[in-house]
Amino acid sequence: MGFKTRLSKKGPELSKVIAGVMNWGQWGAKLDQPAMTSLIESCVDHEITSFDHADIYGGYTTEAEFGVALTASSVKRDQVQLITKCGICYPCEARPAFAIKSYNTTKRYIMDCVDRSLENLQTKYIDVLLIHRPSPLMDLHEIAEAFSALKAAGKVSYFGVSNFSTTQLQMLQSHFPLVTNQIEASLVHLDPFLDGTFDQCQKNHFRPMIWSPLGGGKLFGESTDFEFVNRRARLMEVAEKYGWTLDEMAYLFLLHHPARLFPVTGTSKIERILIAKQAYEKEITNEQWFEIWTASTDKKVP
C-alpha cells in the first residue's frame, strides 16, 4: 500500500497527502505545460498520487491545463487518483452566461459538469466527485439520481461533498453513499473540531479531506490584525520549543486527530508539498496537541 490508505471502508485508496491544484494555474503560479508536467511527475515520484481539482479553478481553465500536462507526462492514468468538484457557477470570461456567483446542483448540471471535466482532464473516469458547496436549493433526490447515473455509466467511481454541515451531509448520505467531506481546518480554523464534523466522519467511517491546512497562508504572511499577530506569536513559541517549523506543526496538529485527516496542499512547490508527507514520519503526544490548541485559542481547556 505504501503511502496510500483508504478514504473510507469501501472507498478508494488515496495518497495520504493530496496535491491541491487550485494554485497551479491561472489563480496562482500560472505554471506552463512543461512545469506542470514536471510537478505531476515529481509528486508521483514521491508517492503523492492524488490530485484535487474543481471545475472552477483558474476560471475553468486549470483542469484542462492539468489534463494536457498529465497526458504529456510519463505518468499513467492508473497511477493517479483524480478528485474534482462541481456545483459552483462562477462568472468569468469562460462562463459569460453567469451573471452572478451562484450554486447549481441539478442533475443535468452535475452531469454536464462531469462530462466537461472528463474532457478537460483527458480521462474516462473521475475517482472522486464532490459537490463543491451546499446550496439552499439542493434537491437531495436529484443529486442522488445524478450520482447513480454517473456511477452506472462508469464516469465517476466515488462521491462525496465539500463544505457541508453535519446535517446536510447526513441528509444526502441517507440518499446515496458518500466517502468524504472536504472541509477547511487548520490552526486558525478550529470549528470542525467542535461542531461535530469530525465526530460525524468517525461515525461514518470515512476520512475528511482538509483544504487550507496551513490557514491559506495566513500563518506566514504580514498582518495588521493585532489579535492574529499575537496568536501567531504564541504558536511560534510552541513550535520553537519542540524544534518544529510552523508549517510542520500545523500538519502534525491535524494528523494527530483520530478522524485521520487527509491534508490537501495548496502549493505549487514540490518541496512544500513534501512537508506534509514528512509530517507522517513524526508523532506528537496528546499533551503537545493540547499545548498547540491552547496557543491557538489563548484559552485553557475547561
C-alpha atoms as a PDB file:
ATOM      1  CA  MET A   1       0.000   0.000   0.000  1.00  0.00           C
ATOM      2  CA  GLY A   2       2.965   2.330   0.560  1.00  0.00           C
ATOM      3  CA  PHE A   3       1.883   5.910   1.166  1.00  0.00           C
ATOM      4  CA  LYS A   4      -1.770   5.169   0.371  1.00  0.00           C
ATOM      5  CA  THR A   5      -4.736   4.432   2.561  1.00  0.00           C
ATOM      6  CA  ARG A   6      -8.476   4.037   2.088  1.00  0.00           C
ATOM      7  CA  LEU A   7     -10.672   7.109   2.186  1.00  0.00           C
ATOM      8  CA  SER A   8     -13.459   5.036   3.720  1.00  0.00           C
ATOM      9  CA  LYS A   9     -14.268   1.381   4.381  1.00  0.00           C
ATOM     10  CA  LYS A  10     -15.487   0.874   0.817  1.00  0.00           C
ATOM     11  CA  GLY A  11     -13.844   3.914  -0.702  1.00  0.00           C
ATOM     12  CA  PRO A  12     -10.808   4.431  -2.919  1.00  0.00           C
ATOM     13  CA  GLU A  13      -7.181   4.264  -1.921  1.00  0.00           C
ATOM     14  CA  LEU A  14      -5.640   7.743  -1.993  1.00  0.00           C
ATOM     15  CA  SER A  15      -2.207   9.031  -1.135  1.00  0.00           C
ATOM     16  CA  LYS A  16      -2.141  10.240   2.468  1.00  0.00           C
ATOM     17  CA  VAL A  17      -1.331  13.728   1.192  1.00  0.00           C
ATOM     18  CA  ILE A  18      -3.434  15.129  -1.648  1.00  0.00           C
ATOM     19  CA  ALA A  19      -1.902  17.652  -4.028  1.00  0.00           C
ATOM     20  CA  GLY A  20      -4.347  20.511  -4.443  1.00  0.00           C
ATOM     21  CA  VAL A  21      -4.005  22.120  -7.876  1.00  0.00           C
ATOM     22  CA  MET A  22      -6.056  25.290  -7.326  1.00  0.00           C
ATOM     23  CA  ASN A  23      -2.954  27.483  -7.353  1.00  0.00           C
ATOM     24  CA  TRP A  24      -1.074  25.675 -10.121  1.00  0.00           C
ATOM     25  CA  GLY A  25      -2.754  27.572 -12.951  1.00  0.00           C
ATOM     26  CA  GLN A  26      -4.248  30.992 -13.589  1.00  0.00           C
ATOM     27  CA  TRP A  27      -5.227  31.575  -9.948  1.00  0.00           C
ATOM     28  CA  GLY A  28      -1.689  31.164  -8.719  1.00  0.00           C
ATOM     29  CA  ALA A  29       1.664  30.083 -10.124  1.00  0.00           C
ATOM     30  CA  LYS A  30       0.499  30.064 -13.779  1.00  0.00           C
ATOM     31  CA  LEU A  31       2.648  27.014 -14.482  1.00  0.00           C
ATOM     32  CA  ASP A  32       3.228  26.314 -18.163  1.00  0.00           C
ATOM     33  CA  GLN A  33       2.786  22.788 -19.506  1.00  0.00           C
ATOM     34  CA  PRO A  34       6.398  21.597 -19.007  1.00  0.00           C
ATOM     35  CA  ALA A  35       6.449  22.932 -15.425  1.00  0.00           C
ATOM     36  CA  MET A  36       3.086  21.360 -14.594  1.00  0.00           C
ATOM     37  CA  THR A  37       4.134  18.065 -16.148  1.00  0.00           C
ATOM     38  CA  SER A  38       7.334  18.123 -14.102  1.00  0.00           C
ATOM     39  CA  LEU A  39       5.386  18.837 -10.915  1.00  0.00           C
ATOM     40  CA  ILE A  40       2.955  15.958 -11.567  1.00  0.00           C
ATOM     41  CA  GLU A  41       5.883  13.606 -12.140  1.00  0.00           C
ATOM     42  CA  SER A  42       7.671  14.851  -9.001  1.00  0.00           C
ATOM     43  CA  CYS A  43       4.545  14.313  -6.917  1.00  0.00           C
ATOM     44  CA  VAL A  44       4.130  10.749  -8.188  1.00  0.00           C
ATOM     45  CA  ASP A  45       7.844  10.028  -7.713  1.00  0.00           C
ATOM     46  CA  HIS A  46       7.339  10.964  -4.055  1.00  0.00           C
ATOM     47  CA  GLU A  47       4.153   8.844  -3.731  1.00  0.00           C
ATOM     48  CA  ILE A  48       1.808  11.843  -3.846  1.00  0.00           C
ATOM     49  CA  THR A  49      -0.579  10.311  -6.376  1.00  0.00           C
ATOM     50  CA  SER A  50      -3.904  12.013  -5.581  1.00  0.00           C
ATOM     51  CA  PHE A  51      -4.757  15.384  -7.144  1.00  0.00           C
ATOM     52  CA  ASP A  52      -7.596  17.675  -6.066  1.00  0.00           C
ATOM     53  CA  HIS A  53      -9.393  19.788  -8.669  1.00  0.00           C
ATOM     54  CA  ALA A  54     -12.568  21.793  -9.079  1.00  0.00           C
ATOM     55  CA  ASP A  55     -14.108  22.767 -12.391  1.00  0.00           C
ATOM     56  CA  ILE A  56     -13.957  26.476 -11.493  1.00  0.00           C
ATOM     57  CA  TYR A  57     -10.228  26.599 -10.705  1.00  0.00           C
ATOM     58  CA  GLY A  58      -8.391  29.111 -12.835  1.00  0.00           C
ATOM     59  CA  GLY A  59     -11.709  30.404 -14.143  1.00  0.00           C
ATOM     60  CA  TYR A  60     -12.497  26.990 -15.645  1.00  0.00           C
ATOM     61  CA  THR A  61      -9.005  26.590 -17.139  1.00  0.00           C
ATOM     62  CA  THR A  62      -6.870  24.580 -14.694  1.00  0.00           C
ATOM     63  CA  GLU A  63      -8.473  21.179 -15.268  1.00  0.00           C
ATOM     64  CA  ALA A  64      -7.703  21.352 -18.982  1.00  0.00           C
ATOM     65  CA  GLU A  65      -4.142  22.577 -18.364  1.00  0.00           C
ATOM     66  CA  PHE A  66      -3.609  19.689 -15.965  1.00  0.00           C
ATOM     67  CA  GLY A  67      -5.078  17.232 -18.479  1.00  0.00           C
ATOM     68  CA  VAL A  68      -2.589  18.324 -21.132  1.00  0.00           C
ATOM     69  CA  ALA A  69       0.273  18.183 -18.619  1.00  0.00           C
ATOM     70  CA  LEU A  70      -0.699  14.728 -17.361  1.00  0.00           C
ATOM     71  CA  THR A  71      -1.002  13.368 -20.913  1.00  0.00           C
ATOM     72  CA  ALA A  72       2.448  14.745 -21.737  1.00  0.00           C
ATOM     73  CA  SER A  73       3.973  13.168 -18.619  1.00  0.00           C
ATOM     74  CA  SER A  74       5.442   9.729 -18.052  1.00  0.00           C
ATOM     75  CA  VAL A  75       2.676   9.049 -15.514  1.00  0.00           C
ATOM     76  CA  LYS A  76      -0.018   6.544 -16.449  1.00  0.00           C
ATOM     77  CA  ARG A  77      -3.666   7.194 -15.592  1.00  0.00           C
ATOM     78  CA  ASP A  78      -3.903   4.200 -13.265  1.00  0.00           C
ATOM     79  CA  GLN A  79      -1.026   5.580 -11.195  1.00  0.00           C
ATOM     80  CA  VAL A  80      -3.021   8.623 -10.077  1.00  0.00           C
ATOM     81  CA  GLN A  81      -6.346   9.429  -8.454  1.00  0.00           C
ATOM     82  CA  LEU A  82      -8.247  12.447  -9.753  1.00  0.00           C
ATOM     83  CA  ILE A  83     -10.675  14.298  -7.494  1.00  0.00           C
ATOM     84  CA  THR A  84     -12.815  17.128  -8.768  1.00  0.00           C
ATOM     85  CA  LYS A  85     -15.702  19.273  -7.584  1.00  0.00           C
ATOM     86  CA  CYS A  86     -18.701  20.907  -9.225  1.00  0.00           C
ATOM     87  CA  GLY A  87     -21.776  22.924  -8.341  1.00  0.00           C
ATOM     88  CA  ILE A  88     -20.430  26.484  -8.154  1.00  0.00           C
ATOM     89  CA  CYS A  89     -21.391  28.784 -11.024  1.00  0.00           C
ATOM     90  CA  TYR A  90     -18.511  31.238 -11.216  1.00  0.00           C
ATOM     91  CA  PRO A  91     -18.905  34.274 -13.506  1.00  0.00           C
ATOM     92  CA  CYS A  92     -15.758  34.787 -15.575  1.00  0.00           C
ATOM     93  CA  GLU A  93     -14.559  35.061 -19.148  1.00  0.00           C
ATOM     94  CA  ALA A  94     -15.098  31.356 -19.734  1.00  0.00           C
ATOM     95  CA  ARG A  95     -18.675  31.496 -18.423  1.00  0.00           C
ATOM     96  CA  PRO A  96     -20.198  34.796 -19.623  1.00  0.00           C
ATOM     97  CA  ALA A  97     -23.718  33.429 -19.131  1.00  0.00           C
ATOM     98  CA  PHE A  98     -23.279  33.513 -15.341  1.00  0.00           C
ATOM     99  CA  ALA A  99     -24.436  36.944 -14.167  1.00  0.00           C
ATOM    100  CA  ILE A 100     -23.572  36.354 -10.500  1.00  0.00           C
ATOM    101  CA  LYS A 101     -21.845  33.696  -8.434  1.00  0.00           C
ATOM    102  CA  SER A 102     -24.402  31.057  -7.521  1.00  0.00           C
ATOM    103  CA  TYR A 103     -24.838  27.316  -6.990  1.00  0.00           C
ATOM    104  CA  ASN A 104     -26.402  24.707  -9.241  1.00  0.00           C
ATOM    105  CA  THR A 105     -26.827  21.134  -8.019  1.00  0.00           C
ATOM    106  CA  THR A 106     -29.441  19.935 -10.503  1.00  0.00           C
ATOM    107  CA  LYS A 107     -28.985  16.529 -12.105  1.00  0.00           C
ATOM    108  CA  ARG A 108     -28.444  17.981 -15.566  1.00  0.00           C
ATOM    109  CA  TYR A 109     -25.858  20.491 -14.381  1.00  0.00           C
ATOM    110  CA  ILE A 110     -23.876  17.917 -12.364  1.00  0.00           C
ATOM    111  CA  MET A 111     -23.794  15.511 -15.293  1.00  0.00           C
ATOM    112  CA  ASP A 112     -22.792  18.217 -17.757  1.00  0.00           C
ATOM    113  CA  CYS A 113     -20.003  19.334 -15.411  1.00  0.00           C
ATOM    114  CA  VAL A 114     -18.667  15.799 -15.176  1.00  0.00           C
ATOM    115  CA  ASP A 115     -18.633  15.434 -18.956  1.00  0.00           C
ATOM    116  CA  ARG A 116     -16.638  18.664 -19.253  1.00  0.00           C
ATOM    117  CA  SER A 117     -14.245  17.587 -16.502  1.00  0.00           C
ATOM    118  CA  LEU A 118     -13.666  14.240 -18.209  1.00  0.00           C
ATOM    119  CA  GLU A 119     -12.862  16.039 -21.431  1.00  0.00           C
ATOM    120  CA  ASN A 120     -10.630  18.592 -19.716  1.00  0.00           C
ATOM    121  CA  LEU A 121      -8.719  16.028 -17.676  1.00  0.00           C
ATOM    122  CA  GLN A 122      -8.454  13.738 -20.706  1.00  0.00           C
ATOM    123  CA  THR A 123      -9.672  10.738 -18.757  1.00  0.00           C
ATOM    124  CA  LYS A 124     -12.501   8.222 -18.989  1.00  0.00           C
ATOM    125  CA  TYR A 125     -13.357   8.376 -15.293  1.00  0.00           C
ATOM    126  CA  ILE A 126     -13.052  10.543 -12.193  1.00  0.00           C
ATOM    127  CA  ASP A 127     -12.036   8.782  -8.999  1.00  0.00           C
ATOM    128  CA  VAL A 128     -13.942  11.032  -6.587  1.00  0.00           C
ATOM    129  CA  LEU A 129     -16.558  13.693  -7.391  1.00  0.00           C
ATOM    130  CA  LEU A 130     -17.548  16.229  -4.724  1.00  0.00           C
ATOM    131  CA  ILE A 131     -20.395  18.733  -4.595  1.00  0.00           C
ATOM    132  CA  HIS A 132     -18.295  21.844  -4.047  1.00  0.00           C
ATOM    133  CA  ARG A 133     -20.617  23.723  -1.693  1.00  0.00           C
ATOM    134  CA  PRO A 134     -24.088  23.071  -0.320  1.00  0.00           C
ATOM    135  CA  SER A 135     -26.870  25.028  -1.974  1.00  0.00           C
ATOM    136  CA  PRO A 136     -30.008  26.232  -0.166  1.00  0.00           C
ATOM    137  CA  LEU A 137     -31.849  24.886  -3.231  1.00  0.00           C
ATOM    138  CA  MET A 138     -30.392  21.363  -3.141  1.00  0.00           C
ATOM    139  CA  ASP A 139     -32.783  18.609  -4.167  1.00  0.00           C
ATOM    140  CA  LEU A 140     -31.221  15.590  -2.482  1.00  0.00           C
ATOM    141  CA  HIS A 141     -33.189  13.130  -4.614  1.00  0.00           C
ATOM    142  CA  GLU A 142     -31.918  14.819  -7.765  1.00  0.00           C
ATOM    143  CA  ILE A 143     -28.294  14.799  -6.607  1.00  0.00           C
ATOM    144  CA  ALA A 144     -28.620  11.097  -5.763  1.00  0.00           C
ATOM    145  CA  GLU A 145     -30.073  10.439  -9.217  1.00  0.00           C
ATOM    146  CA  ALA A 146     -27.120  12.212 -10.836  1.00  0.00           C
ATOM    147  CA  PHE A 147     -24.643  10.238  -8.732  1.00  0.00           C
ATOM    148  CA  SER A 148     -26.379   6.950  -9.549  1.00  0.00           C
ATOM    149  CA  ALA A 149     -26.360   7.697 -13.276  1.00  0.00           C
ATOM    150  CA  LEU A 150     -22.687   8.712 -13.259  1.00  0.00           C
ATOM    151  CA  LYS A 151     -21.753   5.601 -11.294  1.00  0.00           C
ATOM    152  CA  ALA A 152     -23.697   3.347 -13.653  1.00  0.00           C
ATOM    153  CA  ALA A 153     -22.043   4.968 -16.677  1.00  0.00           C
ATOM    154  CA  GLY A 154     -18.580   4.379 -15.216  1.00  0.00           C
ATOM    155  CA  LYS A 155     -17.807   8.095 -15.321  1.00  0.00           C
ATOM    156  CA  VAL A 156     -17.282   8.511 -11.545  1.00  0.00           C
ATOM    157  CA  SER A 157     -16.134   5.850  -9.084  1.00  0.00           C
ATOM    158  CA  TYR A 158     -16.906   7.500  -5.717  1.00  0.00           C
ATOM    159  CA  PHE A 159     -18.807  10.509  -4.437  1.00  0.00           C
ATOM    160  CA  GLY A 160     -18.565  12.972  -1.587  1.00  0.00           C
ATOM    161  CA  VAL A 161     -19.194  16.561  -0.606  1.00  0.00           C
ATOM    162  CA  SER A 162     -17.250  19.667   0.336  1.00  0.00           C
ATOM    163  CA  ASN A 163     -18.038  22.297   2.970  1.00  0.00           C
ATOM    164  CA  PHE A 164     -21.231  20.507   4.064  1.00  0.00           C
ATOM    165  CA  SER A 165     -22.608  20.803   7.584  1.00  0.00           C
ATOM    166  CA  THR A 166     -23.250  17.642   9.567  1.00  0.00           C
ATOM    167  CA  THR A 167     -26.999  17.795   8.908  1.00  0.00           C
ATOM    168  CA  GLN A 168     -26.556  18.455   5.187  1.00  0.00           C
ATOM    169  CA  LEU A 169     -24.169  15.531   4.858  1.00  0.00           C
ATOM    170  CA  GLN A 170     -26.426  13.247   6.874  1.00  0.00           C
ATOM    171  CA  MET A 171     -29.398  14.041   4.645  1.00  0.00           C
ATOM    172  CA  LEU A 172     -27.525  13.379   1.394  1.00  0.00           C
ATOM    173  CA  GLN A 173     -25.876  10.280   2.892  1.00  0.00           C
ATOM    174  CA  SER A 174     -29.371   8.898   3.508  1.00  0.00           C
ATOM    175  CA  HIS A 175     -29.990   9.078  -0.259  1.00  0.00           C
ATOM    176  CA  PHE A 176     -26.596   7.968  -1.594  1.00  0.00           C
ATOM    177  CA  PRO A 177     -23.392   6.545  -0.025  1.00  0.00           C
ATOM    178  CA  LEU A 178     -20.672   9.179   0.388  1.00  0.00           C
ATOM    179  CA  VAL A 179     -16.965   8.673   1.076  1.00  0.00           C
ATOM    180  CA  THR A 180     -15.781  12.045   2.410  1.00  0.00           C
ATOM    181  CA  ASN A 181     -16.444  15.649   3.331  1.00  0.00           C
ATOM    182  CA  GLN A 182     -13.729  18.077   2.197  1.00  0.00           C
ATOM    183  CA  ILE A 183     -13.647  20.924   4.694  1.00  0.00           C
ATOM    184  CA  GLU A 184     -11.487  23.735   5.951  1.00  0.00           C
ATOM    185  CA  ALA A 185      -9.477  23.099   9.110  1.00  0.00           C
ATOM    186  CA  SER A 186      -6.206  24.458  10.433  1.00  0.00           C
ATOM    187  CA  LEU A 187      -4.534  26.060  13.431  1.00  0.00           C
ATOM    188  CA  VAL A 188      -6.570  29.170  12.645  1.00  0.00           C
ATOM    189  CA  HIS A 189      -9.851  27.441  11.732  1.00  0.00           C
ATOM    190  CA  LEU A 190     -10.815  25.079  14.546  1.00  0.00           C
ATOM    191  CA  ASP A 191     -14.590  24.867  14.013  1.00  0.00           C
ATOM    192  CA  PRO A 192     -14.672  21.248  12.705  1.00  0.00           C
ATOM    193  CA  PHE A 193     -13.077  20.029  15.923  1.00  0.00           C
ATOM    194  CA  LEU A 194     -16.051  21.342  17.920  1.00  0.00           C
ATOM    195  CA  ASP A 195     -19.100  21.444  15.639  1.00  0.00           C
ATOM    196  CA  GLY A 196     -19.498  17.699  15.193  1.00  0.00           C
ATOM    197  CA  THR A 197     -17.930  17.494  11.731  1.00  0.00           C
ATOM    198  CA  PHE A 198     -15.019  15.244  12.704  1.00  0.00           C
ATOM    199  CA  ASP A 199     -17.262  13.247  15.048  1.00  0.00           C
ATOM    200  CA  GLN A 200     -19.573  12.519  12.116  1.00  0.00           C
ATOM    201  CA  CYS A 201     -16.652  11.427   9.945  1.00  0.00           C
ATOM    202  CA  GLN A 202     -15.624   8.897  12.570  1.00  0.00           C
ATOM    203  CA  LYS A 203     -19.215   7.685  12.948  1.00  0.00           C
ATOM    204  CA  ASN A 204     -19.479   7.153   9.180  1.00  0.00           C
ATOM    205  CA  HIS A 205     -16.033   5.526   9.000  1.00  0.00           C
ATOM    206  CA  PHE A 206     -14.675   7.927   6.415  1.00  0.00           C
ATOM    207  CA  ARG A 207     -11.794  10.347   6.458  1.00  0.00           C
ATOM    208  CA  PRO A 208     -12.254  14.055   5.793  1.00  0.00           C
ATOM    209  CA  MET A 209     -10.122  15.891   3.268  1.00  0.00           C
ATOM    210  CA  ILE A 210      -8.753  19.141   4.675  1.00  0.00           C
ATOM    211  CA  TRP A 211      -8.400  22.190   2.453  1.00  0.00           C
ATOM    212  CA  SER A 212      -6.304  25.139   3.561  1.00  0.00           C
ATOM    213  CA  PRO A 213      -4.446  23.065   6.201  1.00  0.00           C
ATOM    214  CA  LEU A 214      -1.967  25.932   6.672  1.00  0.00           C
ATOM    215  CA  GLY A 215      -4.692  28.534   7.050  1.00  0.00           C
ATOM    216  CA  GLY A 216      -4.463  29.715   3.455  1.00  0.00           C
ATOM    217  CA  GLY A 217      -1.000  31.117   4.102  1.00  0.00           C
ATOM    218  CA  LYS A 218      -2.273  33.379   6.888  1.00  0.00           C
ATOM    219  CA  LEU A 219       0.216  31.856   9.295  1.00  0.00           C
ATOM    220  CA  PHE A 220       3.123  33.178   7.245  1.00  0.00           C
ATOM    221  CA  GLY A 221       2.017  36.483   5.720  1.00  0.00           C
ATOM    222  CA  GLU A 222       2.045  40.007   7.044  1.00  0.00           C
ATOM    223  CA  SER A 223      -0.938  41.028   9.162  1.00  0.00           C
ATOM    224  CA  THR A 224      -2.203  44.192  10.796  1.00  0.00           C
ATOM    225  CA  ASP A 225      -4.656  42.199  12.927  1.00  0.00           C
ATOM    226  CA  PHE A 226      -3.274  42.586  16.455  1.00  0.00           C
ATOM    227  CA  GLU A 227      -5.060  39.514  17.809  1.00  0.00           C
ATOM    228  CA  PHE A 228      -3.857  37.343  14.947  1.00  0.00           C
ATOM    229  CA  VAL A 229      -0.265  38.563  15.320  1.00  0.00           C
ATOM    230  CA  ASN A 230      -0.412  37.561  18.985  1.00  0.00           C
ATOM    231  CA  ARG A 231      -1.908  34.203  18.073  1.00  0.00           C
ATOM    232  CA  ARG A 232       0.884  33.515  15.604  1.00  0.00           C
ATOM    233  CA  ALA A 233       3.473  34.513  18.199  1.00  0.00           C
ATOM    234  CA  ARG A 234       2.011  32.029  20.689  1.00  0.00           C
ATOM    235  CA  LEU A 235       2.052  29.277  18.065  1.00  0.00           C
ATOM    236  CA  MET A 236       5.626  30.126  17.082  1.00  0.00           C
ATOM    237  CA  GLU A 237       6.659  29.827  20.720  1.00  0.00           C
ATOM    238  CA  VAL A 238       5.322  26.261  20.880  1.00  0.00           C
ATOM    239  CA  ALA A 239       6.914  25.335  17.546  1.00  0.00           C
ATOM    240  CA  GLU A 240      10.298  26.665  18.622  1.00  0.00           C
ATOM    241  CA  LYS A 241      10.031  24.839  21.950  1.00  0.00           C
ATOM    242  CA  TYR A 242       9.926  21.494  20.134  1.00  0.00           C
ATOM    243  CA  GLY A 243      12.147  22.378  17.177  1.00  0.00           C
ATOM    244  CA  TRP A 244       9.315  22.344  14.657  1.00  0.00           C
ATOM    245  CA  THR A 245       8.706  24.749  11.822  1.00  0.00           C
ATOM    246  CA  LEU A 246       5.305  26.427  11.934  1.00  0.00           C
ATOM    247  CA  ASP A 247       4.016  24.574   8.872  1.00  0.00           C
ATOM    248  CA  GLU A 248       5.330  21.267  10.208  1.00  0.00           C
ATOM    249  CA  MET A 249       3.481  21.868  13.471  1.00  0.00           C
ATOM    250  CA  ALA A 250       0.307  22.735  11.557  1.00  0.00           C
ATOM    251  CA  TYR A 251       0.372  19.352   9.820  1.00  0.00           C
ATOM    252  CA  LEU A 252       1.309  17.442  12.994  1.00  0.00           C
ATOM    253  CA  PHE A 253      -1.654  19.041  14.751  1.00  0.00           C
ATOM    254  CA  LEU A 254      -4.087  17.893  12.053  1.00  0.00           C
ATOM    255  CA  LEU A 255      -2.639  14.421  11.585  1.00  0.00           C
ATOM    256  CA  HIS A 256      -2.858  13.628  15.298  1.00  0.00           C
ATOM    257  CA  HIS A 257      -6.659  13.684  15.214  1.00  0.00           C
ATOM    258  CA  PRO A 258      -8.368  10.250  15.314  1.00  0.00           C
ATOM    259  CA  ALA A 259     -10.546  11.142  12.305  1.00  0.00           C
ATOM    260  CA  ARG A 260      -7.325  10.535  10.312  1.00  0.00           C
ATOM    261  CA  LEU A 261      -7.441  13.621   8.138  1.00  0.00           C
ATOM    262  CA  PHE A 262      -6.195  13.890   4.549  1.00  0.00           C
ATOM    263  CA  PRO A 263      -4.418  17.253   4.068  1.00  0.00           C
ATOM    264  CA  VAL A 264      -4.939  18.876   0.668  1.00  0.00           C
ATOM    265  CA  THR A 265      -1.900  21.045  -0.011  1.00  0.00           C
ATOM    266  CA  GLY A 266      -2.335  24.441  -1.614  1.00  0.00           C
ATOM    267  CA  THR A 267       1.136  24.986  -3.002  1.00  0.00           C
ATOM    268  CA  SER A 268       2.734  24.553  -6.435  1.00  0.00           C
ATOM    269  CA  LYS A 269       6.188  23.847  -4.972  1.00  0.00           C
ATOM    270  CA  ILE A 270       7.151  20.190  -4.508  1.00  0.00           C
ATOM    271  CA  GLU A 271       9.372  20.940  -1.512  1.00  0.00           C
ATOM    272  CA  ARG A 272       6.406  22.430   0.334  1.00  0.00           C
ATOM    273  CA  ILE A 273       4.090  19.576  -0.654  1.00  0.00           C
ATOM    274  CA  LEU A 274       6.646  17.195   0.837  1.00  0.00           C
ATOM    275  CA  ILE A 275       6.492  18.967   4.214  1.00  0.00           C
ATOM    276  CA  ALA A 276       3.034  17.444   4.593  1.00  0.00           C
ATOM    277  CA  LYS A 277       4.329  13.981   3.718  1.00  0.00           C
ATOM    278  CA  GLN A 278       7.282  14.282   6.078  1.00  0.00           C
ATOM    279  CA  ALA A 279       4.892  15.099   8.928  1.00  0.00           C
ATOM    280  CA  TYR A 280       3.744  11.462   8.790  1.00  0.00           C
ATOM    281  CA  GLU A 281       7.227  10.456   9.931  1.00  0.00           C
ATOM    282  CA  LYS A 282       6.729  12.149  13.314  1.00  0.00           C
ATOM    283  CA  GLU A 283       4.217  11.905  16.120  1.00  0.00           C
ATOM    284  CA  ILE A 284       3.103  14.261  18.852  1.00  0.00           C
ATOM    285  CA  THR A 285       1.595  13.476  22.226  1.00  0.00           C
ATOM    286  CA  ASN A 286      -1.917  14.357  23.338  1.00  0.00           C
ATOM    287  CA  GLU A 287      -0.392  16.873  25.722  1.00  0.00           C
ATOM    288  CA  GLN A 288       1.537  18.562  22.915  1.00  0.00           C
ATOM    289  CA  TRP A 289      -1.660  18.685  20.843  1.00  0.00           C
ATOM    290  CA  PHE A 290      -3.466  20.488  23.638  1.00  0.00           C
ATOM    291  CA  GLU A 291      -0.487  22.799  24.065  1.00  0.00           C
ATOM    292  CA  ILE A 292      -0.899  23.805  20.401  1.00  0.00           C
ATOM    293  CA  TRP A 293      -4.688  24.136  20.849  1.00  0.00           C
ATOM    294  CA  THR A 294      -4.216  26.374  23.871  1.00  0.00           C
ATOM    295  CA  ALA A 295      -1.732  28.563  21.994  1.00  0.00           C
ATOM    296  CA  SER A 296      -4.173  28.973  19.117  1.00  0.00           C
ATOM    297  CA  THR A 297      -7.225  29.747  21.250  1.00  0.00           C
ATOM    298  CA  ASP A 298      -5.400  31.572  24.065  1.00  0.00           C
ATOM    299  CA  LYS A 299      -7.667  29.668  26.454  1.00  0.00           C
ATOM    300  CA  LYS A 300      -7.072  26.695  28.694  1.00  0.00           C
ATOM    301  CA  VAL A 301      -9.456  23.827  28.111  1.00  0.00           C
ATOM    302  CA  PRO A 302     -12.265  23.636  30.740  1.00  0.00           C
END
